Protein backbone atom coordinates (compact mmCIF):
# COMPACT_ATOMS: atom_id res chain seq x y z
CA MET A 1 19.68 -9.65 60.43
CA HIS A 2 16.33 -8.90 61.97
CA GLY A 3 13.29 -10.69 63.30
CA ILE A 4 10.29 -8.48 62.38
CA GLY A 5 12.33 -5.32 62.90
CA ASN A 6 14.25 -6.43 66.01
CA ASP A 7 17.72 -6.03 64.49
CA TYR A 8 21.17 -7.09 65.67
CA VAL A 9 24.65 -7.19 64.18
CA TYR A 10 25.69 -10.86 64.06
CA PHE A 11 29.31 -11.96 64.31
CA ASP A 12 30.60 -15.30 63.04
CA CYS A 13 32.68 -16.43 66.00
CA PHE A 14 33.22 -20.01 64.87
CA GLU A 15 36.85 -19.22 63.98
CA GLU A 16 37.56 -15.90 65.75
CA GLU A 17 36.71 -14.21 69.04
CA ILE A 18 35.42 -10.73 69.84
CA PRO A 19 37.67 -9.68 72.75
CA ASN A 20 35.35 -7.01 74.21
CA PRO A 21 31.75 -7.63 73.08
CA GLU A 22 30.33 -5.20 75.65
CA GLU A 23 32.20 -2.23 74.19
CA THR A 24 31.62 -3.49 70.64
CA ALA A 25 27.87 -3.51 71.25
CA ILE A 26 27.93 0.10 72.42
CA ARG A 27 30.10 1.26 69.51
CA LEU A 28 28.23 -0.51 66.70
CA SER A 29 24.64 -0.16 67.92
CA ASP A 30 24.53 3.63 67.63
CA ARG A 31 22.09 4.36 64.80
CA ARG A 32 23.38 7.86 64.16
CA PHE A 33 27.15 7.35 64.26
CA SER A 34 27.63 3.65 63.47
CA ILE A 35 25.94 0.63 61.89
CA GLY A 36 22.98 0.74 64.26
CA GLY A 37 20.92 -2.01 65.86
CA ASP A 38 19.34 -3.15 69.09
CA GLY A 39 22.67 -4.76 69.99
CA ILE A 40 25.06 -7.45 68.78
CA ILE A 41 24.90 -11.26 68.79
CA LEU A 42 27.90 -13.58 68.67
CA VAL A 43 27.41 -16.98 67.00
CA CYS A 44 29.97 -19.34 68.52
CA LYS A 45 30.87 -23.01 68.55
CA SER A 46 29.23 -25.18 71.18
CA LYS A 47 30.11 -28.58 72.63
CA ILE A 48 26.48 -29.33 73.54
CA ALA A 49 24.44 -27.81 70.67
CA ASP A 50 24.73 -26.83 67.01
CA ALA A 51 25.94 -23.39 68.12
CA LYS A 52 26.08 -21.02 71.06
CA MET A 53 24.72 -17.47 71.03
CA ARG A 54 25.71 -14.52 73.20
CA MET A 55 23.56 -11.38 73.04
CA PHE A 56 24.62 -7.89 74.12
CA ASN A 57 22.21 -4.97 74.35
CA ALA A 58 22.91 -1.53 72.94
CA ASP A 59 24.19 -0.40 76.36
CA GLY A 60 26.71 -3.26 76.51
CA SER A 61 24.84 -5.40 79.04
CA GLU A 62 24.58 -9.11 78.26
CA GLY A 63 21.14 -10.72 77.94
CA LYS A 64 20.36 -14.33 78.69
CA MET A 65 17.95 -14.89 75.83
CA CYS A 66 16.58 -13.21 72.69
CA GLY A 67 13.61 -14.76 70.90
CA ASN A 68 13.96 -12.84 67.63
CA GLY A 69 17.74 -13.16 67.74
CA ILE A 70 17.76 -16.93 68.12
CA ARG A 71 15.68 -17.33 64.95
CA CYS A 72 18.27 -15.25 63.08
CA VAL A 73 21.00 -17.45 64.53
CA ALA A 74 19.12 -20.45 63.14
CA LYS A 75 18.97 -18.76 59.73
CA PHE A 76 22.73 -18.12 59.84
CA LEU A 77 23.45 -21.75 60.73
CA TYR A 78 21.05 -23.07 58.09
CA ASP A 79 21.89 -20.77 55.16
CA VAL A 80 25.52 -19.79 55.80
CA LYS A 81 27.09 -22.55 57.86
CA GLY A 82 25.29 -25.31 55.98
CA ILE A 83 23.85 -26.96 59.08
CA ARG A 84 20.73 -27.84 57.11
CA LYS A 85 18.65 -29.83 59.53
CA SER A 86 15.54 -29.50 61.62
CA PRO A 87 15.41 -29.24 64.53
CA LEU A 88 18.40 -26.99 65.23
CA THR A 89 19.74 -26.51 68.74
CA VAL A 90 21.31 -23.34 70.14
CA GLU A 91 23.00 -22.95 73.53
CA THR A 92 22.04 -19.78 75.44
CA LEU A 93 22.56 -18.48 78.96
CA SER A 94 19.01 -19.65 79.71
CA GLY A 95 19.61 -23.18 78.41
CA ILE A 96 19.55 -25.05 75.11
CA LYS A 97 16.71 -24.01 72.79
CA THR A 98 15.34 -26.23 70.01
CA MET A 99 13.91 -24.88 66.74
CA SER A 100 11.91 -26.51 63.96
CA VAL A 101 12.84 -24.91 60.62
CA THR A 102 10.60 -24.16 57.65
CA GLU A 103 12.31 -23.34 54.35
CA GLU A 104 11.13 -21.68 51.14
CA ASN A 105 12.99 -22.07 47.83
CA GLY A 106 15.79 -23.87 49.58
CA ARG A 107 16.42 -21.11 52.14
CA PHE A 108 15.48 -20.62 55.77
CA ALA A 109 12.11 -18.84 56.07
CA ARG A 110 10.89 -19.19 59.65
CA ALA A 111 11.32 -21.21 62.80
CA ALA A 112 9.18 -22.46 65.66
CA VAL A 113 11.23 -22.07 68.83
CA ASP A 114 10.64 -24.15 71.94
CA MET A 115 11.21 -21.40 74.50
CA GLY A 116 10.80 -23.65 77.54
CA ARG A 117 8.51 -23.21 80.53
CA ALA A 118 7.33 -19.78 81.58
CA GLU A 119 8.72 -18.98 85.03
CA LEU A 120 6.16 -17.31 87.30
CA SER A 121 7.92 -17.42 90.69
CA PRO A 122 8.78 -13.83 91.74
CA ALA A 123 12.10 -14.91 93.24
CA LYS A 124 13.21 -16.46 89.94
CA ILE A 125 12.08 -13.62 87.64
CA PRO A 126 13.37 -11.74 89.78
CA ALA A 127 10.73 -9.36 91.11
CA ARG A 128 10.21 -8.24 94.70
CA PHE A 129 6.62 -9.43 95.13
CA SER A 130 5.21 -11.90 97.63
CA GLY A 131 3.27 -15.04 96.73
CA GLU A 132 3.75 -17.80 94.16
CA ALA A 133 3.03 -15.62 91.11
CA VAL A 134 2.47 -11.98 90.17
CA ILE A 135 -0.79 -11.83 88.20
CA GLY A 136 -2.62 -8.52 87.92
CA ALA A 137 -0.81 -7.10 90.94
CA PRO A 138 -0.90 -3.33 91.61
CA LEU A 139 2.32 -1.42 90.98
CA GLU A 140 2.80 2.32 91.31
CA VAL A 141 4.95 3.76 88.53
CA ASN A 142 5.61 7.47 88.08
CA GLY A 143 2.64 8.39 90.28
CA SER A 144 0.07 6.09 88.60
CA GLU A 145 -1.09 2.59 89.49
CA TYR A 146 -0.73 -0.22 86.94
CA ARG A 147 -1.85 -3.83 87.15
CA VAL A 148 1.14 -5.97 86.22
CA THR A 149 1.85 -9.62 85.52
CA CYS A 150 5.47 -10.78 85.79
CA VAL A 151 6.98 -13.60 83.75
CA SER A 152 10.49 -14.83 83.02
CA MET A 153 11.22 -16.30 79.60
CA GLY A 154 14.91 -16.56 80.36
CA ASN A 155 14.88 -12.83 81.13
CA PRO A 156 12.47 -10.78 83.26
CA HIS A 157 9.26 -9.30 81.83
CA CYS A 158 6.53 -7.09 83.27
CA VAL A 159 3.24 -7.05 81.33
CA THR A 160 0.50 -4.46 81.76
CA PHE A 161 -2.78 -4.20 79.85
CA MET A 162 -4.28 -0.97 78.49
CA PRO A 163 -6.71 0.27 75.81
CA ASP A 164 -4.04 1.81 73.56
CA PRO A 165 -0.29 1.13 74.04
CA TYR A 166 0.52 3.72 71.38
CA ALA A 167 -1.16 6.52 73.34
CA ILE A 168 1.45 6.49 76.12
CA ASP A 169 4.70 8.44 76.27
CA LEU A 170 6.95 5.39 76.19
CA GLU A 171 10.22 7.34 76.21
CA ARG A 172 9.19 8.73 79.60
CA LEU A 173 7.36 5.72 81.05
CA GLY A 174 9.58 2.89 79.79
CA PRO A 175 12.65 3.77 81.91
CA LYS A 176 10.43 4.13 85.00
CA PHE A 177 9.34 0.50 84.63
CA GLU A 178 12.80 -0.74 83.60
CA ASN A 179 14.52 0.74 86.65
CA HIS A 180 11.74 0.28 89.21
CA GLU A 181 13.02 -0.79 92.62
CA VAL A 182 10.94 -4.01 92.59
CA PHE A 183 13.04 -5.35 89.70
CA PRO A 184 16.60 -5.87 91.00
CA GLU A 185 17.96 -6.82 87.55
CA ARG A 186 15.82 -4.25 85.69
CA VAL A 187 12.95 -5.48 83.51
CA ASN A 188 11.54 -5.59 79.99
CA THR A 189 8.04 -4.13 79.88
CA GLU A 190 5.19 -5.02 77.52
CA PHE A 191 2.20 -2.71 77.11
CA VAL A 192 -0.61 -4.85 75.73
CA ARG A 193 -4.05 -4.38 74.22
CA ILE A 194 -6.39 -7.37 74.01
CA ILE A 195 -8.02 -7.65 70.57
CA GLY A 196 -9.65 -11.06 70.97
CA GLU A 197 -9.22 -14.53 72.49
CA ARG A 198 -6.45 -15.32 70.00
CA GLU A 199 -5.08 -11.89 69.15
CA ILE A 200 -3.22 -9.16 71.04
CA LEU A 201 -1.27 -6.00 70.22
CA MET A 202 1.95 -5.20 72.04
CA ARG A 203 4.46 -2.38 72.43
CA VAL A 204 7.74 -3.11 74.21
CA TRP A 205 10.42 -1.29 76.17
CA GLU A 206 13.52 -3.49 76.48
CA ARG A 207 16.03 -3.08 79.28
CA GLY A 208 19.31 -1.87 77.90
CA SER A 209 17.90 -1.02 74.45
CA GLY A 210 14.77 1.12 74.91
CA GLU A 211 11.79 0.74 72.58
CA THR A 212 12.36 -1.91 69.94
CA TRP A 213 10.18 -2.88 66.99
CA ALA A 214 9.77 -6.40 68.32
CA CYS A 215 10.76 -8.66 71.19
CA GLY A 216 10.36 -12.43 70.93
CA THR A 217 10.59 -13.23 74.63
CA GLY A 218 8.32 -10.22 75.25
CA ALA A 219 5.71 -11.59 72.85
CA CYS A 220 5.86 -14.89 74.75
CA ALA A 221 5.50 -13.11 78.10
CA ALA A 222 2.57 -11.06 76.78
CA ALA A 223 0.80 -14.18 75.54
CA VAL A 224 1.39 -15.98 78.85
CA ALA A 225 0.08 -12.98 80.79
CA SER A 226 -2.98 -12.79 78.53
CA VAL A 227 -3.79 -16.40 79.40
CA LEU A 228 -3.11 -15.97 83.11
CA ASN A 229 -5.43 -12.97 83.26
CA GLY A 230 -8.22 -14.84 81.47
CA TYR A 231 -8.15 -12.94 78.17
CA CYS A 232 -6.83 -15.79 75.99
CA LYS A 233 -6.89 -19.59 76.16
CA LYS A 234 -4.03 -21.88 77.07
CA GLY A 235 -2.92 -24.30 74.36
CA GLU A 236 -4.16 -22.18 71.46
CA GLU A 237 -2.12 -20.07 69.04
CA ILE A 238 -2.14 -16.39 69.93
CA LEU A 239 -1.34 -13.87 67.20
CA VAL A 240 0.87 -11.12 68.62
CA HIS A 241 1.03 -7.84 66.67
CA LEU A 242 4.24 -5.88 67.24
CA ARG A 243 5.51 -2.69 65.68
CA GLY A 244 7.72 -4.62 63.24
CA GLY A 245 5.36 -7.47 62.38
CA ASP A 246 3.58 -10.51 63.79
CA LEU A 247 4.55 -13.56 65.83
CA THR A 248 2.44 -16.51 66.94
CA VAL A 249 2.78 -17.89 70.46
CA THR A 250 1.30 -21.01 72.06
CA TYR A 251 1.43 -21.33 75.85
CA THR A 252 1.02 -24.78 77.44
CA ASP A 253 1.71 -26.27 80.86
CA GLU A 254 4.97 -27.73 79.52
CA THR A 255 6.43 -24.96 77.33
CA VAL A 256 5.95 -21.87 75.18
CA ILE A 257 6.28 -22.15 71.39
CA MET A 258 7.08 -18.99 69.39
CA THR A 259 6.95 -18.96 65.59
CA GLY A 260 8.23 -16.21 63.30
CA PRO A 261 10.54 -15.24 60.41
CA ALA A 262 14.18 -14.14 60.21
CA THR A 263 15.53 -11.79 57.54
CA LEU A 264 19.05 -11.01 56.32
CA ALA A 265 19.59 -7.25 55.92
CA PHE A 266 23.22 -7.16 54.74
CA THR A 267 26.67 -8.65 55.25
CA GLY A 268 30.00 -6.86 55.63
CA GLU A 269 33.14 -6.33 57.65
CA ALA A 270 33.74 -4.04 60.61
CA GLU A 271 36.92 -2.81 62.20
CA ILE A 272 36.85 -3.11 66.00
């Protein structure tokens, strides 16, 4: 399944376990020699929510949250498992997330995900900066200075604004941000262009996966950073253009709401 091009291989773990998901993610995510994807996601039973999700990046590392992935989990629960209700709840490593479902022709079409509060404290992102928040702070990367805003949406994000995100050499620059010494757990990086007060364009480099077509938590972080830097308004829907499609994000004092689709690509069996 994919959320606007951000694709993962999803495993139904309600009745069976994947003994080594880290290695499985590495083996199956290779686009040239295997199924291909940005990683794998396990959909498991939960005692405190409708289901539990575990997400593993293409390099085998486990992520705490995946905005596009959780919408696909909701689609799986709604269309395949028959948990046809709204809202749906999913347990993640960054807490329980609640989703309001919209259906079309009796099938899941999209979901609005309550992503929770945006974390701005450097110590909790984590990012080695001083102060209560990192908003437009200078950061030297690969010999150039960038102004960065750091946000955690369950995983760490670094947002920087520029005239044209597609003019940069992301294969070279992305790893420099991801592995910068100020980010002890590595970081996802969003390169953002402001189009208007309610519209931005974003390109993303995800830790453990490289450039992806979309990143839900990244879109949320980019929208939050756009508000914090005075480009967009708090409490209003912000249209976020990504390589794979569009998401809408609303940032308030209490939470961040992300809305977008989820699409089934194919089903099958894999030997592991």
